[in-house]
Amino acid sequence: MTYRVCFVCTGNICRSPMAESVFRARVEEAGLEDLVEIDSAGTGGWHEGETADPRTVTVLDEHGYRTEHVARQFRPAWFARLDLVIALDTGHLKALRRLAPTEEDARKVRLLRSYAHSSDRRITADAPEDTCDDLDVPDPYYGGPVGFQECLEMVEEASTGLLAAVREQLEGRIA
């Protein structure tokens, strides 16, 4: 009865491994590590087989998160085993919804930062994609350390709401 979450960004070396590490820590703190499986991927395969960007590793290390990451590309066949696919920006949201083999699979895709807001702002599966831009986690790849720190702060903020949503789904499965 494992609940499976996959975080997705462009190349799977900055934002999605950061989100994976932070959310894994939140799940472990909540004592749910035996019930929740967490991984990440990229919409493209440019960095497959590489470790996380050194700046990502640095900011995670500085804040007490650990990461053992190898980049990979998201595959449409994965939808069948995943419960939730978390996009880091609107471009990823659109790409993932296009990749989804079924409408049910498309409904599994959500924006990470939608979990940082009250439930009335949470983006649902049928939300118009053009209403989501203010919920993007900006790509820090072409910037400096400040961008990676800001990315981490956004990820941490959203992880609390995401954990609550996953816990609610788990309770629904057990009940």
C-alpha atoms as a PDB file:
ATOM      1  CA  MET A   1       0.000   0.000   0.000  1.00  0.00           C
ATOM      2  CA  THR A   2       2.893   2.358  -0.812  1.00  0.00           C
ATOM      3  CA  TYR A   3       2.041   5.889  -1.977  1.00  0.00           C
ATOM      4  CA  ARG A   4       4.391   6.954  -4.784  1.00  0.00           C
ATOM      5  CA  VAL A   5       5.396  10.543  -5.542  1.00  0.00           C
ATOM      6  CA  CYS A   6       7.702  11.707  -8.351  1.00  0.00           C
ATOM      7  CA  PHE A   7       9.024  15.281  -8.613  1.00  0.00           C
ATOM      8  CA  VAL A   8       9.740  16.505 -12.148  1.00  0.00           C
ATOM      9  CA  CYS A   9      11.736  19.459 -13.477  1.00  0.00           C
ATOM     10  CA  THR A  10      13.589  19.986 -16.754  1.00  0.00           C
ATOM     11  CA  GLY A  11      16.910  18.162 -16.415  1.00  0.00           C
ATOM     12  CA  ASN A  12      16.544  16.483 -13.010  1.00  0.00           C
ATOM     13  CA  ILE A  13      19.689  18.025 -11.552  1.00  0.00           C
ATOM     14  CA  CYS A  14      18.452  21.132  -9.661  1.00  0.00           C
ATOM     15  CA  ARG A  15      14.831  21.609  -8.608  1.00  0.00           C
ATOM     16  CA  SER A  16      13.415  18.083  -8.648  1.00  0.00           C
ATOM     17  CA  PRO A  17      16.285  16.442  -6.730  1.00  0.00           C
ATOM     18  CA  MET A  18      16.025  19.288  -4.222  1.00  0.00           C
ATOM     19  CA  ALA A  19      12.281  18.682  -3.833  1.00  0.00           C
ATOM     20  CA  GLU A  20      12.881  14.929  -3.574  1.00  0.00           C
ATOM     21  CA  SER A  21      15.430  15.392  -0.761  1.00  0.00           C
ATOM     22  CA  VAL A  22      13.346  17.879   1.208  1.00  0.00           C
ATOM     23  CA  PHE A  23      10.139  15.884   0.903  1.00  0.00           C
ATOM     24  CA  ARG A  24      11.919  12.648   1.835  1.00  0.00           C
ATOM     25  CA  ALA A  25      13.130  14.370   5.022  1.00  0.00           C
ATOM     26  CA  ARG A  26       9.567  15.550   5.805  1.00  0.00           C
ATOM     27  CA  VAL A  27       8.194  12.046   5.244  1.00  0.00           C
ATOM     28  CA  GLU A  28      10.875  10.544   7.511  1.00  0.00           C
ATOM     29  CA  GLU A  29      10.209  13.170  10.216  1.00  0.00           C
ATOM     30  CA  ALA A  30       6.527  12.181  10.070  1.00  0.00           C
ATOM     31  CA  GLY A  31       7.400   8.489  10.404  1.00  0.00           C
ATOM     32  CA  LEU A  32       5.850   7.657   7.021  1.00  0.00           C
ATOM     33  CA  GLU A  33       8.973   6.407   5.211  1.00  0.00           C
ATOM     34  CA  ASP A  34       7.583   2.862   5.038  1.00  0.00           C
ATOM     35  CA  LEU A  35       4.410   4.126   3.349  1.00  0.00           C
ATOM     36  CA  VAL A  36       5.690   6.758   0.904  1.00  0.00           C
ATOM     37  CA  GLU A  37       8.157   6.240  -1.957  1.00  0.00           C
ATOM     38  CA  ILE A  38       9.754   9.390  -3.371  1.00  0.00           C
ATOM     39  CA  ASP A  39      11.831   9.917  -6.496  1.00  0.00           C
ATOM     40  CA  SER A  40      12.412  12.476  -9.225  1.00  0.00           C
ATOM     41  CA  ALA A  41      12.979  12.804 -12.948  1.00  0.00           C
ATOM     42  CA  GLY A  42      13.363  15.350 -15.739  1.00  0.00           C
ATOM     43  CA  THR A  43      11.164  16.110 -18.718  1.00  0.00           C
ATOM     44  CA  GLY A  44      14.285  15.745 -20.851  1.00  0.00           C
ATOM     45  CA  GLY A  45      17.194  13.343 -20.818  1.00  0.00           C
ATOM     46  CA  TRP A  46      20.073  15.823 -21.179  1.00  0.00           C
ATOM     47  CA  HIS A  47      21.582  14.956 -17.795  1.00  0.00           C
ATOM     48  CA  GLU A  48      20.673  11.270 -17.479  1.00  0.00           C
ATOM     49  CA  GLY A  49      23.216   9.446 -15.362  1.00  0.00           C
ATOM     50  CA  GLU A  50      24.663  12.622 -13.820  1.00  0.00           C
ATOM     51  CA  THR A  51      24.588  13.556 -10.157  1.00  0.00           C
ATOM     52  CA  ALA A  52      22.727  16.608  -8.879  1.00  0.00           C
ATOM     53  CA  ASP A  53      24.145  20.024  -9.704  1.00  0.00           C
ATOM     54  CA  PRO A  54      26.911  20.821  -7.167  1.00  0.00           C
ATOM     55  CA  ARG A  55      25.061  24.013  -6.157  1.00  0.00           C
ATOM     56  CA  THR A  56      21.976  21.925  -5.339  1.00  0.00           C
ATOM     57  CA  VAL A  57      24.085  19.550  -3.257  1.00  0.00           C
ATOM     58  CA  THR A  58      25.719  22.488  -1.456  1.00  0.00           C
ATOM     59  CA  VAL A  59      22.465  24.189  -0.476  1.00  0.00           C
ATOM     60  CA  LEU A  60      20.963  20.876   0.629  1.00  0.00           C
ATOM     61  CA  ASP A  61      24.066  20.034   2.705  1.00  0.00           C
ATOM     62  CA  GLU A  62      24.052  23.497   4.298  1.00  0.00           C
ATOM     63  CA  HIS A  63      20.492  22.879   5.495  1.00  0.00           C
ATOM     64  CA  GLY A  64      20.960  19.338   6.724  1.00  0.00           C
ATOM     65  CA  TYR A  65      19.412  17.456   3.797  1.00  0.00           C
ATOM     66  CA  ARG A  66      21.106  14.495   2.193  1.00  0.00           C
ATOM     67  CA  THR A  67      20.970  13.487  -1.437  1.00  0.00           C
ATOM     68  CA  GLU A  68      22.213  10.518  -3.394  1.00  0.00           C
ATOM     69  CA  HIS A  69      20.886  11.408  -6.789  1.00  0.00           C
ATOM     70  CA  VAL A  70      21.326  10.207 -10.357  1.00  0.00           C
ATOM     71  CA  ALA A  71      19.371  12.084 -13.042  1.00  0.00           C
ATOM     72  CA  ARG A  72      16.889  10.309 -15.287  1.00  0.00           C
ATOM     73  CA  GLN A  73      14.136  11.190 -17.731  1.00  0.00           C
ATOM     74  CA  PHE A  74      10.452  10.764 -16.888  1.00  0.00           C
ATOM     75  CA  ARG A  75       8.717   8.008 -18.880  1.00  0.00           C
ATOM     76  CA  PRO A  76       4.968   7.964 -19.628  1.00  0.00           C
ATOM     77  CA  ALA A  77       4.769   4.313 -18.522  1.00  0.00           C
ATOM     78  CA  TRP A  78       5.594   5.453 -14.973  1.00  0.00           C
ATOM     79  CA  PHE A  79       2.142   7.006 -14.575  1.00  0.00           C
ATOM     80  CA  ALA A  80       0.715   3.527 -13.970  1.00  0.00           C
ATOM     81  CA  ARG A  81       2.723   3.072 -10.755  1.00  0.00           C
ATOM     82  CA  LEU A  82       2.656   6.674  -9.490  1.00  0.00           C
ATOM     83  CA  ASP A  83       0.012   8.247  -7.285  1.00  0.00           C
ATOM     84  CA  LEU A  84       1.203  11.826  -7.643  1.00  0.00           C
ATOM     85  CA  VAL A  85       3.468  13.560 -10.166  1.00  0.00           C
ATOM     86  CA  ILE A  86       4.717  16.915  -8.913  1.00  0.00           C
ATOM     87  CA  ALA A  87       5.744  19.475 -11.531  1.00  0.00           C
ATOM     88  CA  LEU A  88       8.117  22.251 -10.501  1.00  0.00           C
ATOM     89  CA  ASP A  89       6.804  24.792 -13.021  1.00  0.00           C
ATOM     90  CA  THR A  90       4.002  25.353 -15.494  1.00  0.00           C
ATOM     91  CA  GLY A  91       6.088  24.132 -18.435  1.00  0.00           C
ATOM     92  CA  HIS A  92       6.600  20.812 -16.675  1.00  0.00           C
ATOM     93  CA  LEU A  93       2.897  20.672 -15.787  1.00  0.00           C
ATOM     94  CA  LYS A  94       1.930  21.064 -19.446  1.00  0.00           C
ATOM     95  CA  ALA A  95       4.546  18.581 -20.677  1.00  0.00           C
ATOM     96  CA  LEU A  96       3.534  15.951 -18.135  1.00  0.00           C
ATOM     97  CA  ARG A  97      -0.169  16.319 -18.867  1.00  0.00           C
ATOM     98  CA  ARG A  98       0.588  15.857 -22.572  1.00  0.00           C
ATOM     99  CA  LEU A  99       2.607  12.711 -21.771  1.00  0.00           C
ATOM    100  CA  ALA A 100      -0.150  11.222 -19.631  1.00  0.00           C
ATOM    101  CA  PRO A 101      -1.627   8.153 -21.359  1.00  0.00           C
ATOM    102  CA  THR A 102      -5.077   8.695 -19.802  1.00  0.00           C
ATOM    103  CA  GLU A 103      -7.171  11.467 -18.275  1.00  0.00           C
ATOM    104  CA  GLU A 104      -6.810   9.706 -14.931  1.00  0.00           C
ATOM    105  CA  ASP A 105      -3.032   9.915 -15.283  1.00  0.00           C
ATOM    106  CA  ALA A 106      -3.218  13.610 -16.217  1.00  0.00           C
ATOM    107  CA  ARG A 107      -5.142  14.241 -12.975  1.00  0.00           C
ATOM    108  CA  LYS A 108      -2.139  12.920 -11.011  1.00  0.00           C
ATOM    109  CA  VAL A 109      -0.035  15.933 -12.096  1.00  0.00           C
ATOM    110  CA  ARG A 110       0.129  18.918  -9.734  1.00  0.00           C
ATOM    111  CA  LEU A 111       2.346  21.961  -9.256  1.00  0.00           C
ATOM    112  CA  LEU A 112       4.515  21.795  -6.149  1.00  0.00           C
ATOM    113  CA  ARG A 113       3.872  25.362  -5.022  1.00  0.00           C
ATOM    114  CA  SER A 114       0.123  24.822  -5.129  1.00  0.00           C
ATOM    115  CA  TYR A 115       0.651  23.039  -1.810  1.00  0.00           C
ATOM    116  CA  ALA A 116       2.159  26.178  -0.271  1.00  0.00           C
ATOM    117  CA  HIS A 117      -1.173  27.980  -0.449  1.00  0.00           C
ATOM    118  CA  SER A 118      -4.485  27.550   1.259  1.00  0.00           C
ATOM    119  CA  SER A 119      -6.709  24.798  -0.070  1.00  0.00           C
ATOM    120  CA  ASP A 120      -8.864  27.300  -1.979  1.00  0.00           C
ATOM    121  CA  ARG A 121      -5.788  28.170  -4.100  1.00  0.00           C
ATOM    122  CA  ARG A 122      -4.619  24.583  -4.560  1.00  0.00           C
ATOM    123  CA  ILE A 123      -4.359  23.785  -8.245  1.00  0.00           C
ATOM    124  CA  THR A 124      -6.600  20.939  -9.245  1.00  0.00           C
ATOM    125  CA  ALA A 125      -6.100  18.635 -12.182  1.00  0.00           C
ATOM    126  CA  ASP A 126      -8.557  20.568 -14.330  1.00  0.00           C
ATOM    127  CA  ALA A 127      -7.217  24.051 -13.501  1.00  0.00           C
ATOM    128  CA  PRO A 128      -6.412  26.140 -16.581  1.00  0.00           C
ATOM    129  CA  GLU A 129      -2.663  26.021 -17.084  1.00  0.00           C
ATOM    130  CA  ASP A 130      -2.455  29.772 -17.716  1.00  0.00           C
ATOM    131  CA  THR A 131      -3.560  30.458 -14.113  1.00  0.00           C
ATOM    132  CA  CYS A 132      -0.549  28.658 -12.649  1.00  0.00           C
ATOM    133  CA  ASP A 133       2.462  30.812 -13.634  1.00  0.00           C
ATOM    134  CA  ASP A 134       2.732  32.501 -10.237  1.00  0.00           C
ATOM    135  CA  LEU A 135       3.275  29.043  -8.729  1.00  0.00           C
ATOM    136  CA  ASP A 136       6.454  28.233 -10.651  1.00  0.00           C
ATOM    137  CA  VAL A 137       9.650  27.373  -8.810  1.00  0.00           C
ATOM    138  CA  PRO A 138      12.128  29.403 -10.911  1.00  0.00           C
ATOM    139  CA  ASP A 139      15.005  27.475 -12.465  1.00  0.00           C
ATOM    140  CA  PRO A 140      18.199  28.421 -10.590  1.00  0.00           C
ATOM    141  CA  TYR A 141      20.518  26.687 -13.092  1.00  0.00           C
ATOM    142  CA  TYR A 142      21.787  29.819 -14.872  1.00  0.00           C
ATOM    143  CA  GLY A 143      22.132  31.878 -11.689  1.00  0.00           C
ATOM    144  CA  GLY A 144      24.156  31.895  -8.542  1.00  0.00           C
ATOM    145  CA  PRO A 145      23.780  30.570  -5.001  1.00  0.00           C
ATOM    146  CA  VAL A 146      20.947  32.968  -4.130  1.00  0.00           C
ATOM    147  CA  GLY A 147      18.686  31.321  -6.706  1.00  0.00           C
ATOM    148  CA  PHE A 148      19.350  27.896  -5.226  1.00  0.00           C
ATOM    149  CA  GLN A 149      18.609  29.194  -1.728  1.00  0.00           C
ATOM    150  CA  GLU A 150      15.336  30.747  -2.937  1.00  0.00           C
ATOM    151  CA  CYS A 151      14.441  27.482  -4.659  1.00  0.00           C
ATOM    152  CA  LEU A 152      15.029  25.590  -1.414  1.00  0.00           C
ATOM    153  CA  GLU A 153      12.820  28.018   0.524  1.00  0.00           C
ATOM    154  CA  MET A 154       9.955  27.540  -1.959  1.00  0.00           C
ATOM    155  CA  VAL A 155      10.359  23.763  -1.833  1.00  0.00           C
ATOM    156  CA  GLU A 156      10.395  23.725   1.971  1.00  0.00           C
ATOM    157  CA  GLU A 157       7.292  25.897   2.162  1.00  0.00           C
ATOM    158  CA  ALA A 158       5.331  23.682  -0.220  1.00  0.00           C
ATOM    159  CA  SER A 159       6.525  20.422   1.364  1.00  0.00           C
ATOM    160  CA  THR A 160       4.469  21.014   4.498  1.00  0.00           C
ATOM    161  CA  GLY A 161       1.220  21.253   2.537  1.00  0.00           C
ATOM    162  CA  LEU A 162       2.216  18.372   0.284  1.00  0.00           C
ATOM    163  CA  LEU A 163       2.886  16.182   3.309  1.00  0.00           C
ATOM    164  CA  ALA A 164      -0.572  17.021   4.681  1.00  0.00           C
ATOM    165  CA  ALA A 165      -2.168  16.107   1.339  1.00  0.00           C
ATOM    166  CA  VAL A 166      -0.264  12.813   1.108  1.00  0.00           C
ATOM    167  CA  ARG A 167      -1.125  11.965   4.708  1.00  0.00           C
ATOM    168  CA  GLU A 168      -4.807  12.586   3.870  1.00  0.00           C
ATOM    169  CA  GLN A 169      -4.553  10.240   0.885  1.00  0.00           C
ATOM    170  CA  LEU A 170      -2.886   7.583   3.015  1.00  0.00           C
ATOM    171  CA  GLU A 171      -5.631   7.824   5.640  1.00  0.00           C
ATOM    172  CA  GLY A 172      -8.210   7.387   2.873  1.00  0.00           C
ATOM    173  CA  ARG A 173      -6.511   4.184   1.757  1.00  0.00           C
ATOM    174  CA  ILE A 174      -6.318   2.741   5.245  1.00  0.00           C
ATOM    175  CA  ALA A 175      -9.893   3.625   6.222  1.00  0.00           C
END
